[in-house]
Amino acid sequence: MRIGVIGSAGKIGQMRVATILSEPKAELVGVMDVSREMAERHSHGAPAFTALDEFLAVPMDAVVISTPAHVREPLCLAAFKAGLHVLTEKPLSNTVEGARRIRAAGCAAGKQLGAGFNMRYYPAFSYVKDVMDSGQIGEIDHIRIYGGHEGLGKFAHDWEYQSKFSGGGALWDVGIHMTDMARHLMGEISRVYGVATNKVWKVEGSEDNAMAVFTAPSGLSATYQASWNDWNGYKSMVEVYGSKGMVRGVYAPMRNDLIVMDRPGGAQRRSTKRYLDIAVREKLKSWKATAVQSFADELADFIGLVEGRKGLRIADGDAGLRAVEVAAALPVSTRTGQPVELEILGAGRA
């Protein structure tokens, strides 16, 4: 697959380029960024551009878009108009309307849209999904989801936390990954009920804490929290409780806990996975080592999505849209005190 990258000189864009170069089924055919010097510096010999029309004139099959959310929509629409498949970072857009237009454009073009929820590929979280699907913990009763960090000090740029650029606060940042994780595990989120607050950092339009209950059409529910006020630093966690046990996935550090019983209340069999190899690699190379591997796995699935393979872990356009809709719904629920109902997605898939 011939792939171009928009936003190739950024922190995440450089990692995306690295995964394309290491993927046997992919070829890097062009890069684009706002600075020609930076684009060329990180092009690895591929043609470098600053103009979108010149970039899209390069023969390619797909584009990876690694830019801030507020400039993503026109890039996605132009790529679909050019007949390309798209893999884009999260959130899909900084507005619900923008996310819907992106998804609709992909469907109209008959092209695949991949949403960059790479945490699906973190070993601790993929293990949780696999355990759920295996039936080891019986009938699933409920799920608990958490994502948080210390707050504004984690950001390198102001646009990363200002709602006119980012879409909002914790819900659109660390929380957007965990919203997608909830839907990935639940199958769909059709109801959102909760409260978002802004009492810590007081950035207009950017909530620093959000707590909610998500409900699937099946009735399965998940409790959810996203926070910019976690004194203990960055943490993401998923816990799934079934009739015959529970499974927990945590990052960072990466860890799993599993409890399995032969019947409710029976003798417990406990096991723990600590991923010491990942801990050592991150100690030597930073968190980027884990992120790059997840990007590589996601790219392989994106190629599979384009090839028409089923049963992949990758987040598609429906997942990208739903995560944005949930992030926008929670402040509405806060204002009204009522749950927000969301239509079940699926009919519009390419």
Protein backbone atom coordinates (compact mmCIF):
# COMPACT_ATOMS: atom_id res chain seq x y z
CA MET A 1 0.00 0.00 0.00
CA ARG A 2 1.36 3.40 -1.01
CA ILE A 3 0.87 5.76 1.94
CA GLY A 4 1.45 9.47 2.47
CA VAL A 5 1.59 11.22 5.84
CA ILE A 6 0.23 14.68 6.64
CA GLY A 7 1.75 16.15 9.80
CA SER A 8 4.86 14.02 9.41
CA ALA A 9 7.21 16.28 11.39
CA GLY A 10 5.20 16.26 14.63
CA LYS A 11 5.87 14.00 17.60
CA ILE A 12 3.16 11.51 16.63
CA GLY A 13 3.67 11.99 12.91
CA GLN A 14 7.29 10.90 13.17
CA MET A 15 6.19 7.70 14.89
CA ARG A 16 3.58 7.11 12.21
CA VAL A 17 6.25 7.49 9.52
CA ALA A 18 8.46 5.00 11.37
CA THR A 19 5.71 2.36 11.37
CA ILE A 20 5.12 2.76 7.63
CA LEU A 21 8.83 2.33 6.95
CA SER A 22 8.88 -0.87 9.04
CA GLU A 23 5.69 -2.39 7.57
CA PRO A 24 6.50 -4.84 4.71
CA LYS A 25 3.11 -4.25 3.07
CA ALA A 26 3.46 -0.43 3.04
CA GLU A 27 5.53 2.14 1.16
CA LEU A 28 6.04 5.76 2.23
CA VAL A 29 5.46 7.81 -0.94
CA GLY A 30 5.16 11.36 0.39
CA VAL A 31 5.02 13.57 3.47
CA MET A 32 3.50 16.96 4.16
CA ASP A 33 3.89 19.54 6.92
CA VAL A 34 3.61 23.29 7.38
CA SER A 35 7.40 23.69 7.23
CA ARG A 36 9.23 22.38 4.18
CA GLU A 37 12.48 22.19 6.16
CA MET A 38 10.84 20.06 8.86
CA ALA A 39 8.99 17.94 6.31
CA GLU A 40 12.21 17.19 4.44
CA ARG A 41 14.09 16.50 7.67
CA HIS A 42 11.65 13.73 8.54
CA SER A 43 10.83 12.45 5.04
CA HIS A 44 13.35 9.57 4.95
CA GLY A 45 13.86 10.25 1.27
CA ALA A 46 10.20 10.48 0.32
CA PRO A 47 9.00 13.63 -1.52
CA ALA A 48 8.16 16.42 0.95
CA PHE A 49 5.42 19.01 0.47
CA THR A 50 3.76 21.97 2.14
CA ALA A 51 0.90 22.33 -0.39
CA LEU A 52 -1.99 19.87 -0.14
CA ASP A 53 -2.74 19.74 -3.88
CA GLU A 54 0.89 18.90 -4.68
CA PHE A 55 0.96 16.22 -1.99
CA LEU A 56 -2.27 14.62 -3.22
CA ALA A 57 -0.95 14.59 -6.80
CA VAL A 58 1.53 11.87 -5.75
CA PRO A 59 0.20 8.40 -6.70
CA MET A 60 -0.90 6.81 -3.42
CA ASP A 61 -3.58 4.55 -1.96
CA ALA A 62 -4.02 5.98 1.53
CA VAL A 63 -3.06 8.86 3.77
CA VAL A 64 -2.28 9.01 7.49
CA ILE A 65 -3.36 12.34 8.97
CA SER A 66 -1.44 13.29 12.09
CA THR A 67 -2.43 16.89 12.73
CA PRO A 68 -4.28 18.85 15.44
CA ALA A 69 -8.01 18.12 15.49
CA HIS A 70 -9.14 21.57 14.35
CA VAL A 71 -7.44 21.31 10.95
CA ARG A 72 -8.27 17.67 10.27
CA GLU A 73 -11.65 17.89 8.54
CA PRO A 74 -10.60 19.60 5.27
CA LEU A 75 -7.62 17.25 4.99
CA CYS A 76 -9.82 14.17 5.40
CA LEU A 77 -12.40 15.49 2.92
CA ALA A 78 -9.72 16.28 0.35
CA ALA A 79 -8.18 12.83 0.75
CA PHE A 80 -11.52 11.09 0.23
CA LYS A 81 -12.23 13.32 -2.79
CA ALA A 82 -8.88 12.17 -4.20
CA GLY A 83 -9.99 8.54 -3.80
CA LEU A 84 -7.79 7.68 -0.83
CA HIS A 85 -8.37 5.64 2.28
CA VAL A 86 -7.74 7.56 5.52
CA LEU A 87 -6.24 6.72 8.90
CA THR A 88 -6.50 9.76 11.15
CA GLU A 89 -5.62 10.60 14.74
CA LYS A 90 -8.16 10.97 17.53
CA PRO A 91 -10.47 12.73 18.02
CA LEU A 92 -11.88 12.52 14.52
CA SER A 93 -12.71 16.24 14.67
CA ASN A 94 -13.05 18.97 17.29
CA THR A 95 -16.81 19.13 16.59
CA VAL A 96 -19.60 16.59 16.21
CA GLU A 97 -20.63 18.13 12.90
CA GLY A 98 -17.08 17.85 11.57
CA ALA A 99 -16.82 14.21 12.63
CA ARG A 100 -20.10 13.42 10.91
CA ARG A 101 -18.97 15.11 7.70
CA ILE A 102 -15.71 13.15 7.71
CA ARG A 103 -17.49 9.84 8.22
CA ALA A 104 -20.09 10.68 5.56
CA ALA A 105 -17.38 11.63 3.06
CA GLY A 106 -15.64 8.30 3.54
CA CYS A 107 -18.88 6.42 3.03
CA ALA A 108 -19.77 8.45 -0.08
CA ALA A 109 -16.32 7.80 -1.55
CA GLY A 110 -16.50 4.10 -0.76
CA LYS A 111 -13.20 4.37 1.11
CA GLN A 112 -12.17 3.11 4.53
CA LEU A 113 -11.77 5.43 7.51
CA GLY A 114 -9.61 4.33 10.40
CA ALA A 115 -9.70 6.25 13.70
CA GLY A 116 -6.42 6.35 15.62
CA PHE A 117 -7.42 4.69 18.87
CA ASN A 118 -4.12 2.89 19.22
CA MET A 119 -4.68 2.03 22.88
CA ARG A 120 -6.82 -0.87 21.66
CA TYR A 121 -3.46 -2.46 20.82
CA TYR A 122 -1.80 -1.94 24.20
CA PRO A 123 -1.27 -5.48 25.52
CA ALA A 124 -3.08 -4.87 28.81
CA PHE A 125 -6.23 -3.70 27.02
CA SER A 126 -6.19 -6.21 24.18
CA TYR A 127 -5.91 -8.90 26.87
CA VAL A 128 -9.08 -7.59 28.55
CA LYS A 129 -10.98 -7.75 25.26
CA ASP A 130 -9.72 -11.27 24.54
CA VAL A 131 -10.69 -12.51 28.01
CA MET A 132 -14.18 -11.04 27.63
CA ASP A 133 -14.65 -12.70 24.25
CA SER A 134 -13.36 -16.05 25.53
CA GLY A 135 -16.17 -16.40 28.08
CA GLN A 136 -13.72 -17.10 30.93
CA ILE A 137 -15.43 -14.67 33.30
CA GLY A 138 -18.96 -15.67 32.35
CA GLU A 139 -21.79 -13.30 31.50
CA ILE A 140 -20.60 -9.69 31.61
CA ASP A 141 -22.35 -7.67 34.31
CA HIS A 142 -20.66 -4.25 34.22
CA ILE A 143 -17.51 -2.36 33.23
CA ARG A 144 -15.45 0.37 34.89
CA ILE A 145 -13.33 2.76 32.80
CA TYR A 146 -10.87 5.44 33.93
CA GLY A 147 -8.37 7.73 32.25
CA GLY A 148 -6.53 10.62 33.86
CA HIS A 149 -3.38 12.66 34.38
CA GLU A 150 -2.18 15.72 36.30
CA GLY A 151 -3.61 18.32 33.94
CA LEU A 152 -2.33 21.24 31.93
CA GLY A 153 1.32 20.63 32.75
CA LYS A 154 1.16 17.55 30.50
CA PHE A 155 0.61 19.65 27.38
CA ALA A 156 3.34 21.11 25.20
CA HIS A 157 1.02 23.55 23.37
CA ASP A 158 -1.94 25.69 24.43
CA TRP A 159 -4.10 24.41 21.55
CA GLU A 160 -4.02 20.94 23.06
CA TYR A 161 -6.36 21.97 25.89
CA GLN A 162 -8.31 24.94 24.48
CA SER A 163 -11.77 23.81 23.39
CA LYS A 164 -11.93 25.90 20.18
CA PHE A 165 -9.03 23.80 18.91
CA SER A 166 -9.24 20.51 20.84
CA GLY A 167 -13.02 20.20 21.17
CA GLY A 168 -12.99 20.25 24.95
CA GLY A 169 -11.13 19.07 28.01
CA ALA A 170 -10.46 15.72 29.64
CA LEU A 171 -13.26 14.07 27.67
CA TRP A 172 -11.49 14.92 24.40
CA ASP A 173 -7.97 14.20 25.63
CA VAL A 174 -7.10 11.13 27.70
CA GLY A 175 -10.82 10.46 28.05
CA ILE A 176 -11.45 10.00 24.33
CA HIS A 177 -9.30 6.86 24.33
CA MET A 178 -11.25 5.42 27.24
CA THR A 179 -14.60 6.34 25.67
CA ASP A 180 -13.55 4.32 22.64
CA MET A 181 -12.36 1.52 24.92
CA ALA A 182 -15.79 1.40 26.52
CA ARG A 183 -17.51 1.13 23.14
CA HIS A 184 -14.94 -1.42 21.96
CA LEU A 185 -15.86 -3.64 24.91
CA MET A 186 -19.60 -2.89 25.05
CA GLY A 187 -20.33 -3.09 21.33
CA GLU A 188 -22.07 0.29 21.23
CA ILE A 189 -22.87 3.26 23.49
CA SER A 190 -26.47 4.40 23.02
CA ARG A 191 -27.03 6.37 26.25
CA VAL A 192 -24.82 8.84 28.12
CA TYR A 193 -25.66 10.19 31.56
CA GLY A 194 -23.30 12.11 33.80
CA VAL A 195 -21.63 15.27 35.00
CA ALA A 196 -18.67 17.30 33.70
CA THR A 197 -17.01 19.89 35.96
CA ASN A 198 -14.54 22.72 35.53
CA LYS A 199 -13.44 23.69 39.05
CA VAL A 200 -9.69 23.05 38.89
CA TRP A 201 -8.08 24.56 35.79
CA LYS A 202 -11.05 26.76 34.83
CA VAL A 203 -10.30 26.74 31.09
CA GLU A 204 -13.48 27.87 29.35
CA GLY A 205 -15.18 25.00 27.53
CA SER A 206 -12.62 22.44 28.72
CA GLU A 207 -13.87 20.18 31.51
CA ASP A 208 -11.20 18.93 33.91
CA ASN A 209 -13.30 16.08 35.29
CA ALA A 210 -16.13 14.05 33.81
CA MET A 211 -18.06 11.15 35.34
CA ALA A 212 -20.69 9.17 33.50
CA VAL A 213 -22.66 5.99 33.01
CA PHE A 214 -22.61 4.62 29.48
CA THR A 215 -25.29 2.13 28.43
CA ALA A 216 -25.30 -0.21 25.45
CA PRO A 217 -28.44 -1.29 23.54
CA SER A 218 -28.08 -4.65 25.29
CA GLY A 219 -28.42 -2.97 28.69
CA LEU A 220 -24.76 -3.49 29.60
CA SER A 221 -23.46 -0.43 31.45
CA ALA A 222 -20.06 1.07 32.15
CA THR A 223 -19.06 3.66 34.72
CA TYR A 224 -16.57 6.16 33.30
CA GLN A 225 -14.30 8.92 34.52
CA ALA A 226 -11.87 11.20 32.71
CA SER A 227 -9.70 13.52 34.79
CA TRP A 228 -7.14 16.30 34.55
CA ASN A 229 -6.74 16.21 38.31
CA ASP A 230 -4.99 12.93 39.12
CA TRP A 231 -2.24 13.52 41.69
CA ASN A 232 -0.71 10.14 40.85
CA GLY A 233 0.05 10.99 37.22
CA TYR A 234 -1.01 9.33 33.97
CA LYS A 235 -3.22 6.29 34.38
CA SER A 236 -5.71 4.39 32.21
CA MET A 237 -7.70 1.46 33.56
CA VAL A 238 -10.41 -0.95 32.46
CA GLU A 239 -12.16 -3.42 34.74
CA VAL A 240 -14.72 -5.93 33.45
CA TYR A 241 -16.88 -7.87 35.90
CA GLY A 242 -18.63 -11.07 34.94
CA SER A 243 -20.67 -13.76 36.66
CA LYS A 244 -17.57 -15.94 37.03
CA GLY A 245 -14.80 -13.44 37.67
CA MET A 246 -13.20 -10.20 36.56
CA VAL A 247 -10.36 -8.92 34.44
CA ARG A 248 -8.43 -5.65 34.85
CA GLY A 249 -6.12 -3.88 32.43
CA VAL A 250 -3.94 -0.94 33.53
CA TYR A 251 -1.40 1.40 31.97
CA ALA A 252 1.10 2.79 33.09
CA PRO A 253 2.81 0.60 34.06
CA MET A 254 1.26 -2.15 31.95
CA ARG A 255 -0.51 -4.80 34.04
CA ASN A 256 -3.35 -7.33 33.98
CA ASP A 257 -5.19 -9.05 36.80
CA LEU A 258 -7.56 -11.95 36.20
CA ILE A 259 -9.89 -13.72 38.62
CA VAL A 260 -11.80 -16.77 37.38
CA MET A 261 -14.33 -18.94 39.28
CA ASP A 262 -16.18 -22.09 38.23
CA ARG A 263 -19.41 -20.54 39.55
CA PRO A 264 -20.46 -17.25 41.19
CA GLY A 265 -18.90 -17.16 44.65
CA GLY A 266 -16.77 -20.23 43.98
CA ALA A 267 -13.06 -20.73 44.60
CA GLN A 268 -10.99 -18.07 42.88
CA ARG A 269 -8.09 -18.67 40.52
CA ARG A 270 -5.98 -15.51 40.32
CA SER A 271 -3.26 -14.55 37.86
CA THR A 272 -1.27 -11.40 37.11
CA LYS A 273 0.67 -10.23 34.04
CA ARG A 274 3.27 -7.51 34.69
CA TYR A 275 4.96 -7.03 31.26
CA LEU A 276 8.43 -6.46 32.64
CA ASP A 277 9.86 -6.34 29.13
CA ILE A 278 7.67 -3.33 28.33
CA ALA A 279 8.62 -1.64 31.61
CA VAL A 280 12.32 -2.04 30.83
CA ARG A 281 11.90 -0.86 27.25
CA GLU A 282 10.00 2.24 28.40
CA LYS A 283 12.66 2.92 31.03
CA LEU A 284 15.33 2.88 28.32
CA LYS A 285 13.39 4.46 25.44
CA SER A 286 10.35 6.23 27.05
CA TRP A 287 6.62 5.64 26.47
CA LYS A 288 7.17 6.12 22.75
CA ALA A 289 8.44 2.55 22.45
CA THR A 290 5.01 1.23 23.46
CA ALA A 291 3.16 3.79 21.34
CA VAL A 292 5.20 2.95 18.22
CA GLN A 293 4.43 -0.75 18.58
CA SER A 294 0.73 0.00 18.94
CA PHE A 295 0.87 2.23 15.84
CA ALA A 296 2.54 -0.60 13.94
CA ASP A 297 -0.20 -3.05 14.94
CA GLU A 298 -2.86 -0.49 14.06
CA LEU A 299 -1.29 0.15 10.63
CA ALA A 300 -1.29 -3.58 9.89
CA ASP A 301 -5.00 -3.70 10.76
CA PHE A 302 -5.69 -0.59 8.67
CA ILE A 303 -4.17 -2.34 5.66
CA GLY A 304 -6.34 -5.34 6.53
CA LEU A 305 -9.42 -3.10 6.72
CA VAL A 306 -8.71 -1.81 3.22
CA GLU A 307 -8.19 -5.37 2.02
CA GLY A 308 -11.64 -6.28 3.35
CA ARG A 309 -10.57 -8.49 6.23
CA LYS A 310 -13.06 -8.88 9.11
CA GLY A 311 -12.69 -9.29 12.86
CA LEU A 312 -9.95 -6.66 13.18
CA ARG A 313 -9.22 -4.66 16.31
CA ILE A 314 -8.95 -1.31 14.55
CA ALA A 315 -11.42 1.50 15.26
CA ASP A 316 -13.40 2.45 12.17
CA GLY A 317 -15.27 5.62 11.24
CA ASP A 318 -18.25 4.66 13.40
CA ALA A 319 -15.98 4.37 16.41
CA GLY A 320 -14.36 7.70 15.63
CA LEU A 321 -17.70 9.45 15.34
CA ARG A 322 -19.24 7.85 18.43
CA ALA A 323 -16.31 8.88 20.66
CA VAL A 324 -16.82 12.52 19.61
CA GLU A 325 -20.59 12.28 20.07
CA VAL A 326 -20.13 10.92 23.59
CA ALA A 327 -17.67 13.69 24.47
CA ALA A 328 -20.21 16.27 23.30
CA ALA A 329 -23.16 14.54 24.98
CA LEU A 330 -21.83 14.59 28.52
CA PRO A 331 -21.87 18.40 28.93
CA VAL A 332 -25.45 18.31 27.59
CA SER A 333 -26.37 15.77 30.25
CA THR A 334 -24.68 18.01 32.82
CA ARG A 335 -26.81 21.00 31.83
CA THR A 336 -30.12 19.14 31.58
CA GLY A 337 -29.69 16.54 34.29
CA GLN A 338 -31.02 13.99 31.80
CA PRO A 339 -29.47 11.14 29.83
CA VAL A 340 -28.61 11.75 26.17
CA GLU A 341 -29.77 9.08 23.72
CA LEU A 342 -27.54 8.30 20.73
CA GLU A 343 -28.60 6.44 17.61
CA ILE A 344 -27.00 3.08 16.93
CA LEU A 345 -24.34 3.42 14.24
CA GLY A 346 -23.46 0.98 11.51
CA ALA A 347 -25.70 1.61 8.51
CA GLY A 348 -23.37 4.23 7.07
CA ARG A 349 -20.20 2.15 6.93
CA ALA A 350 -18.30 1.97 3.70
